[in-house]
Amino acid sequence: MSTPPSKETQFTALVVDEAAEGRTAAAPRQLTLADLPDLPVLVEVEYSSLNYKDGLNVSGAAKIARRTPLVAGIDLAGVVVESADPNWSAGDRVVVNGWGLSETQSGGYTRYQRVKPEWLVRLPDAFTTLQAMAIGTAGYTAALCVDRIVGHGTPAGSEVLVTGAAGGVGSFATALATAAGYRVIASTGRSETHEYLTGLGARSFIDRSELQGKGRALGAESWAAAIDSVGGSTLVNAIARTQYGGAVAACGMAESPGLPDATVMPHILRSVALLGVDSVMAPAHLRAKAWERLERDLPDDLFASVPRVEPLSTVPALAREILAGQVRGRVVVDVTA
C-alpha cells in the first residue's frame, strides 16, 4: 500500500506558468506536498497521458491554463494514499478524467496530486493504471460518443463514420463502435495507418480531404451515424452526408470550433441529430457507464497496438509532435520515470 511522502519530500511536476508576451509555458519544477491544492484526497500518481489539449497547454500554442502556476496534464491514474472522505480509502485504485485538470485545477503531470472525491472513478479490476491511461480521456470520450449513438437508436450493423480515426479518440471509437456491432468507415489522411485501423475493426476508409473544404448543405446519404473529434468543415460535411434520422456525436475541434457554411437543412430535412459530447464535466452516471463499456468491449490485444509509454521529461517535445499530427494512437506518460 502506498504511503504519503513527508512534507519535505520533493517530486517533479510539469508546471505551466506565465511567459513572455502574455503566453504560458510549461517546465519541470520540484514540488512538495505543501505546493498541492488543499483538497481532501491525496493520490500517488503512476501514469498520465498526452492529449491534444495537453499539447496546446504544454507548448504554449494556446492558453489552456486559466490560472497559473498550474500542474499540466488533463488526466491521471494512481492509488489513494490519504483521504478525508469516507468513500475513499488508502489503497483504492482510481482514475480522474477532466474536471478542469490543467485548466482550473492542478493536473496529472506530477508524482502526487490532491483532488476532490467526486472527481474520482474507481478503476475497474480489468485494467492496470497504465492501461487506464492508455485509455485516458481519449478512450473515455470515445466511449461517451458510442453511448450517445447507441442511445439515439442507431441500429447494429449500420455504417458509422469515425473522423480523425488514427488519433486517440478515433482509435478507441473505431474499436468500441466495432464491438457495438457497427461497420466503421474510418476517415484519415494517412494511408499508412490503414493496417492499424483495420486491426481495430475498420471496414472501409475515406480520405479526410473528402470531408474538408467548403461545407455542403446536403450530400449523398453515406452513413447512419458519425463520431467526430475534428470539428470545422469536417463536421459540417459529416452531418451533410448522414442518413435520414441519423446522428453525429461531436466531441472535438482539432480542425476548428466553427461550423463554416453549415445550414439547418440536414436537421430539418433529414432529421439528423447533432449530439454534443462533453467529457470534462460529465456526471458520474455517464462516466460509470462509459467505463463499463470500456471494460466490456475493448479487445484484449488493443493495448499491444495503441499505447506508447514515455517519461515525463519527454512531454514538451511530444506536445509539439501531437500538434503537428505526428502522434499515432495513445501516449502514456510515466510520471515515476
Protein backbone atom coordinates (compact mmCIF):
# COMPACT_ATOMS: atom_id res chain seq x y z
CA MET A 1 0.00 0.00 0.00
CA SER A 2 1.29 3.47 -0.90
CA THR A 3 2.24 5.82 1.91
CA PRO A 4 2.43 9.61 1.64
CA PRO A 5 5.82 11.28 1.46
CA SER A 6 6.98 13.59 4.21
CA LYS A 7 6.11 17.25 3.88
CA GLU A 8 9.70 17.98 2.86
CA THR A 9 9.97 15.30 0.14
CA GLN A 10 10.43 16.80 -3.32
CA PHE A 11 8.99 15.38 -6.52
CA THR A 12 8.97 16.52 -10.13
CA ALA A 13 5.94 18.06 -11.83
CA LEU A 14 5.44 19.75 -15.19
CA VAL A 15 4.12 23.20 -14.33
CA VAL A 16 2.52 25.78 -16.62
CA ASP A 17 3.37 29.37 -15.75
CA GLU A 18 3.32 32.82 -17.32
CA ALA A 19 5.89 33.51 -20.03
CA ALA A 20 6.72 36.44 -22.30
CA GLU A 21 4.11 38.43 -24.23
CA GLY A 22 1.14 37.09 -22.26
CA ARG A 23 1.82 33.49 -23.24
CA THR A 24 2.27 30.47 -20.99
CA ALA A 25 4.96 27.80 -20.99
CA ALA A 26 5.47 24.51 -19.17
CA ALA A 27 8.67 23.46 -17.45
CA PRO A 28 9.68 20.83 -14.86
CA ARG A 29 9.61 22.04 -11.28
CA GLN A 30 10.35 20.46 -7.92
CA LEU A 31 7.29 20.48 -5.62
CA THR A 32 6.40 19.29 -2.13
CA LEU A 33 3.01 18.39 -0.66
CA ALA A 34 2.70 21.99 0.53
CA ASP A 35 2.56 23.11 -3.12
CA LEU A 36 -0.50 20.96 -3.87
CA PRO A 37 -4.08 22.26 -3.58
CA ASP A 38 -5.89 21.88 -0.27
CA LEU A 39 -8.28 19.11 -1.32
CA PRO A 40 -9.49 16.01 0.59
CA VAL A 41 -7.87 13.10 -1.31
CA LEU A 42 -4.15 12.62 -1.93
CA VAL A 43 -3.33 10.35 -4.88
CA GLU A 44 0.05 8.89 -5.69
CA VAL A 45 0.01 9.27 -9.46
CA GLU A 46 1.52 6.47 -11.52
CA TYR A 47 0.56 7.47 -15.06
CA SER A 48 -0.97 10.32 -17.01
CA SER A 49 -1.35 10.65 -20.78
CA LEU A 50 -0.84 13.01 -23.70
CA ASN A 51 -3.88 14.54 -25.38
CA TYR A 52 -4.30 17.29 -27.97
CA LYS A 53 -5.28 19.75 -25.24
CA ASP A 54 -2.13 18.80 -23.34
CA GLY A 55 -0.14 19.61 -26.48
CA LEU A 56 -1.68 23.07 -26.65
CA ASN A 57 -1.12 23.69 -22.96
CA VAL A 58 2.44 22.43 -22.62
CA SER A 59 3.67 24.01 -25.85
CA GLY A 60 2.04 27.36 -25.14
CA ALA A 61 0.28 27.24 -28.52
CA ALA A 62 -2.96 28.15 -26.72
CA LYS A 63 -3.64 29.50 -23.26
CA ILE A 64 -5.40 26.50 -21.75
CA ALA A 65 -4.48 27.14 -18.11
CA ARG A 66 -6.84 29.80 -16.81
CA ARG A 67 -4.70 30.46 -13.79
CA THR A 68 -1.01 29.97 -13.13
CA PRO A 69 1.11 28.34 -11.90
CA LEU A 70 -0.76 25.09 -12.53
CA VAL A 71 0.38 21.48 -12.96
CA ALA A 72 -0.37 20.32 -16.52
CA GLY A 73 -1.99 17.01 -17.57
CA ILE A 74 -5.73 16.55 -18.08
CA ASP A 75 -5.99 13.10 -16.53
CA LEU A 76 -4.30 10.73 -14.08
CA ALA A 77 -4.39 7.22 -12.67
CA GLY A 78 -2.92 6.07 -9.41
CA VAL A 79 -3.53 4.96 -5.83
CA VAL A 80 -5.13 6.83 -2.94
CA VAL A 81 -2.64 7.37 -0.11
CA GLU A 82 -4.69 9.67 2.14
CA SER A 83 -8.38 10.54 2.25
CA ALA A 84 -10.53 12.76 4.41
CA ASP A 85 -13.60 11.47 2.55
CA PRO A 86 -15.31 8.26 3.79
CA ASN A 87 -15.95 6.99 0.26
CA TRP A 88 -12.23 6.62 -0.49
CA SER A 89 -9.51 4.79 1.41
CA ALA A 90 -5.77 4.32 1.16
CA GLY A 91 -5.03 1.67 -1.45
CA ASP A 92 -8.01 2.42 -3.71
CA ARG A 93 -7.02 2.42 -7.39
CA VAL A 94 -8.54 5.44 -9.11
CA VAL A 95 -8.71 7.39 -12.35
CA VAL A 96 -9.54 11.06 -12.94
CA ASN A 97 -10.54 12.48 -16.33
CA GLY A 98 -11.44 16.10 -16.97
CA TRP A 99 -12.96 18.21 -14.17
CA GLY A 100 -10.79 21.13 -15.28
CA LEU A 101 -7.45 19.41 -14.61
CA SER A 102 -4.67 21.59 -16.10
CA GLU A 103 -7.22 24.36 -16.85
CA THR A 104 -8.56 25.50 -13.48
CA GLN A 105 -7.25 22.65 -11.32
CA SER A 106 -3.77 21.16 -10.95
CA GLY A 107 -3.39 18.13 -13.19
CA GLY A 108 -1.71 14.77 -13.61
CA TYR A 109 1.87 15.53 -14.70
CA THR A 110 3.16 15.04 -11.17
CA ARG A 111 4.05 12.27 -8.72
CA TYR A 112 1.39 13.33 -6.21
CA GLN A 113 -1.84 15.25 -6.56
CA ARG A 114 -4.70 16.28 -4.28
CA VAL A 115 -8.22 16.01 -5.77
CA LYS A 116 -11.88 16.31 -4.87
CA PRO A 117 -13.53 12.97 -4.01
CA GLU A 118 -16.32 13.46 -6.56
CA TRP A 119 -13.76 13.56 -9.37
CA LEU A 120 -12.63 10.00 -8.72
CA VAL A 121 -13.74 6.90 -10.59
CA ARG A 122 -12.89 3.54 -9.12
CA LEU A 123 -10.66 1.77 -11.61
CA PRO A 124 -12.28 -1.41 -12.97
CA ASP A 125 -10.45 -4.59 -11.97
CA ALA A 126 -9.83 -5.40 -15.63
CA PHE A 127 -7.39 -2.50 -16.03
CA THR A 128 -3.99 -1.61 -14.63
CA THR A 129 -3.24 2.07 -14.01
CA LEU A 130 -1.07 2.03 -17.14
CA GLN A 131 -3.99 0.65 -19.17
CA ALA A 132 -6.31 3.23 -17.64
CA MET A 133 -4.11 5.98 -19.05
CA ALA A 134 -3.69 4.16 -22.35
CA ILE A 135 -7.46 4.62 -22.42
CA GLY A 136 -7.32 8.05 -20.78
CA THR A 137 -9.55 10.94 -21.70
CA ALA A 138 -9.41 9.86 -25.34
CA GLY A 139 -10.83 6.39 -24.73
CA TYR A 140 -13.31 7.57 -22.13
CA THR A 141 -14.54 10.27 -24.53
CA ALA A 142 -14.85 7.71 -27.33
CA ALA A 143 -16.97 5.54 -25.02
CA LEU A 144 -19.24 8.51 -24.27
CA CYS A 145 -19.65 9.05 -28.02
CA VAL A 146 -20.53 5.44 -28.72
CA ASP A 147 -23.01 5.53 -25.84
CA ARG A 148 -24.68 8.56 -27.48
CA ILE A 149 -25.13 7.00 -30.91
CA VAL A 150 -26.30 3.72 -29.38
CA GLY A 151 -28.72 5.63 -27.17
CA HIS A 152 -30.01 7.53 -30.21
CA GLY A 153 -31.12 4.19 -31.65
CA THR A 154 -28.55 3.66 -34.40
CA PRO A 155 -29.20 0.05 -35.47
CA ALA A 156 -26.48 -2.56 -35.09
CA GLY A 157 -24.97 -3.41 -38.46
CA SER A 158 -25.16 0.21 -39.63
CA GLU A 159 -22.22 2.03 -41.14
CA VAL A 160 -20.69 4.60 -38.77
CA LEU A 161 -18.13 7.22 -39.81
CA VAL A 162 -15.24 7.91 -37.43
CA THR A 163 -13.24 11.05 -38.24
CA GLY A 164 -9.65 11.51 -37.10
CA ALA A 165 -9.66 7.73 -36.87
CA ALA A 166 -5.91 7.28 -36.32
CA GLY A 167 -5.85 9.69 -33.39
CA GLY A 168 -6.53 8.97 -29.74
CA VAL A 169 -10.33 9.37 -29.69
CA GLY A 170 -10.63 7.91 -33.19
CA SER A 171 -8.65 4.77 -32.37
CA PHE A 172 -10.88 3.91 -29.44
CA ALA A 173 -14.07 4.96 -31.23
CA THR A 174 -13.17 2.59 -34.06
CA ALA A 175 -12.66 -0.32 -31.67
CA LEU A 176 -15.70 0.41 -29.49
CA ALA A 177 -18.08 1.08 -32.39
CA THR A 178 -16.97 -2.18 -33.97
CA ALA A 179 -17.62 -4.03 -30.69
CA ALA A 180 -21.07 -2.42 -30.56
CA GLY A 181 -21.88 -4.08 -33.89
CA TYR A 182 -21.29 -1.19 -36.30
CA ARG A 183 -19.35 -1.23 -39.57
CA VAL A 184 -16.80 1.55 -39.20
CA ILE A 185 -15.80 3.86 -42.05
CA ALA A 186 -12.50 5.37 -40.91
CA SER A 187 -11.56 8.85 -42.08
CA THR A 188 -7.82 9.57 -42.08
CA GLY A 189 -5.31 11.43 -44.21
CA ARG A 190 -2.58 8.86 -43.65
CA SER A 191 -2.81 5.73 -45.76
CA GLU A 192 -0.02 4.14 -43.71
CA THR A 193 -2.48 3.87 -40.79
CA HIS A 194 -4.97 1.70 -42.71
CA GLU A 195 -3.49 -1.59 -41.49
CA TYR A 196 -3.51 -0.30 -37.91
CA LEU A 197 -7.15 0.80 -38.18
CA THR A 198 -8.19 -2.44 -39.89
CA GLY A 199 -6.77 -4.22 -36.85
CA LEU A 200 -9.07 -2.11 -34.66
CA GLY A 201 -12.07 -3.10 -36.76
CA ALA A 202 -12.39 -0.53 -39.56
CA ARG A 203 -14.21 -1.98 -42.58
CA SER A 204 -13.53 0.80 -45.12
CA PHE A 205 -11.78 4.16 -45.47
CA ILE A 206 -12.44 7.68 -46.68
CA ASP A 207 -9.65 10.22 -47.14
CA ARG A 208 -10.09 13.16 -44.80
CA SER A 209 -9.77 15.53 -47.78
CA GLU A 210 -13.24 14.40 -48.91
CA LEU A 211 -14.69 15.92 -45.74
CA GLN A 212 -12.68 19.14 -45.79
CA GLY A 213 -13.19 22.37 -47.70
CA LYS A 214 -16.42 24.26 -48.21
CA GLY A 215 -19.23 22.77 -46.18
CA ARG A 216 -22.19 21.40 -48.08
CA ALA A 217 -25.80 21.83 -47.07
CA LEU A 218 -26.62 18.26 -48.09
CA GLY A 219 -24.63 15.42 -49.61
CA ALA A 220 -25.18 11.81 -50.54
CA GLU A 221 -26.56 9.82 -47.58
CA SER A 222 -23.49 7.73 -46.76
CA TRP A 223 -23.62 6.58 -43.11
CA ALA A 224 -26.18 6.09 -40.36
CA ALA A 225 -24.13 7.91 -37.72
CA ALA A 226 -20.77 9.55 -37.17
CA ILE A 227 -18.33 10.16 -34.34
CA ASP A 228 -16.39 13.38 -34.94
CA SER A 229 -13.37 14.60 -32.97
CA VAL A 230 -12.29 17.14 -35.61
CA GLY A 231 -14.94 19.85 -35.92
CA GLY A 232 -14.91 22.57 -38.57
CA SER A 233 -15.71 21.71 -42.18
CA THR A 234 -15.14 18.02 -41.42
CA LEU A 235 -18.07 18.04 -39.00
CA VAL A 236 -20.24 20.08 -41.39
CA ASN A 237 -19.66 17.60 -44.22
CA ALA A 238 -20.10 14.58 -41.94
CA ILE A 239 -23.52 15.91 -40.94
CA ALA A 240 -24.42 16.67 -44.57
CA ARG A 241 -23.83 13.04 -45.55
CA THR A 242 -25.60 11.40 -42.61
CA GLN A 243 -28.65 9.32 -43.49
CA TYR A 244 -32.22 10.26 -42.61
CA GLY A 245 -32.84 10.03 -38.86
CA GLY A 246 -29.16 9.54 -38.11
CA ALA A 247 -26.95 11.18 -35.54
CA VAL A 248 -23.49 12.73 -35.25
CA ALA A 249 -21.71 12.67 -31.88
CA ALA A 250 -19.29 15.61 -31.80
CA CYS A 251 -16.57 15.81 -29.17
CA GLY A 252 -13.63 17.81 -30.58
CA MET A 253 -12.43 20.80 -32.53
CA ALA A 254 -8.92 19.95 -33.70
CA GLU A 255 -9.68 21.49 -37.10
CA SER A 256 -11.84 24.36 -35.87
CA PRO A 257 -14.51 25.24 -33.30
CA GLY A 258 -16.55 26.81 -36.10
CA LEU A 259 -19.11 25.29 -38.44
CA PRO A 260 -18.32 27.10 -41.72
CA ASP A 261 -21.14 27.22 -44.27
CA ALA A 262 -23.32 24.98 -42.09
CA THR A 263 -27.09 25.10 -42.54
CA VAL A 264 -30.05 23.61 -40.72
CA MET A 265 -31.04 21.58 -43.80
CA PRO A 266 -29.70 18.19 -42.61
CA HIS A 267 -31.53 18.67 -39.32
CA ILE A 268 -34.93 19.76 -40.65
CA LEU A 269 -34.99 17.87 -43.98
CA ARG A 270 -33.35 14.61 -42.84
CA SER A 271 -33.96 14.79 -39.09
CA VAL A 272 -30.23 14.41 -38.39
CA ALA A 273 -29.31 14.97 -34.73
CA LEU A 274 -26.11 16.71 -33.64
CA LEU A 275 -25.20 15.24 -30.25
CA GLY A 276 -22.68 17.19 -28.22
CA VAL A 277 -20.37 15.10 -26.05
CA ASP A 278 -18.61 16.69 -23.06
CA SER A 279 -16.03 14.62 -21.22
CA VAL A 280 -14.83 17.32 -18.82
CA MET A 281 -17.88 17.84 -16.59
CA ALA A 282 -19.86 14.70 -17.46
CA PRO A 283 -21.88 13.49 -14.44
CA ALA A 284 -20.89 10.40 -12.51
CA HIS A 285 -23.51 8.06 -14.01
CA LEU A 286 -22.31 8.77 -17.58
CA ARG A 287 -18.69 8.25 -16.53
CA ALA A 288 -19.55 4.93 -14.88
CA LYS A 289 -21.46 3.79 -17.97
CA ALA A 290 -18.55 4.76 -20.24
CA TRP A 291 -16.02 2.82 -18.15
CA GLU A 292 -18.39 -0.16 -18.12
CA ARG A 293 -18.38 -0.10 -21.93
CA LEU A 294 -14.59 0.16 -21.96
CA GLU A 295 -14.25 -2.78 -19.55
CA ARG A 296 -16.72 -4.89 -21.53
CA ASP A 297 -15.84 -4.05 -25.13
CA LEU A 298 -12.18 -3.16 -25.50
CA PRO A 299 -10.37 -6.02 -27.26
CA ASP A 300 -7.74 -7.75 -25.14
CA ASP A 301 -4.97 -7.07 -27.65
CA LEU A 302 -5.69 -3.35 -28.04
CA PHE A 303 -3.06 -2.34 -25.51
CA ALA A 304 -0.39 -4.08 -27.54
CA SER A 305 -1.04 -1.82 -30.53
CA VAL A 306 -2.19 1.51 -29.11
CA PRO A 307 -0.12 2.79 -26.15
CA ARG A 308 3.38 4.21 -26.23
CA VAL A 309 4.90 4.84 -22.79
CA GLU A 310 7.18 7.85 -22.37
CA PRO A 311 8.80 9.50 -19.31
CA LEU A 312 7.55 12.85 -18.05
CA SER A 313 10.71 14.57 -19.32
CA THR A 314 9.72 13.94 -22.95
CA VAL A 315 6.31 15.62 -22.75
CA PRO A 316 7.42 19.09 -24.06
CA ALA A 317 8.79 17.52 -27.25
CA LEU A 318 5.78 15.22 -27.59
CA ALA A 319 3.46 18.21 -27.22
CA ARG A 320 4.89 19.65 -30.42
CA GLU A 321 4.54 16.28 -32.17
CA ILE A 322 0.86 15.87 -31.33
CA LEU A 323 0.05 19.37 -32.60
CA ALA A 324 1.85 18.53 -35.85
CA GLY A 325 -0.27 15.38 -36.29
CA GLN A 326 2.75 13.12 -35.82
CA VAL A 327 1.39 11.02 -32.94
CA ARG A 328 -0.49 7.80 -33.73
CA GLY A 329 -2.74 6.32 -31.10
CA ARG A 330 -2.10 6.95 -27.41
CA VAL A 331 0.92 8.18 -25.47
CA VAL A 332 1.04 7.19 -21.79
CA VAL A 333 3.17 9.39 -19.54
CA ASP A 334 5.08 7.59 -16.77
CA VAL A 335 5.35 10.25 -14.06
CA THR A 336 7.60 7.98 -11.98
CA ALA A 337 10.35 7.90 -14.66
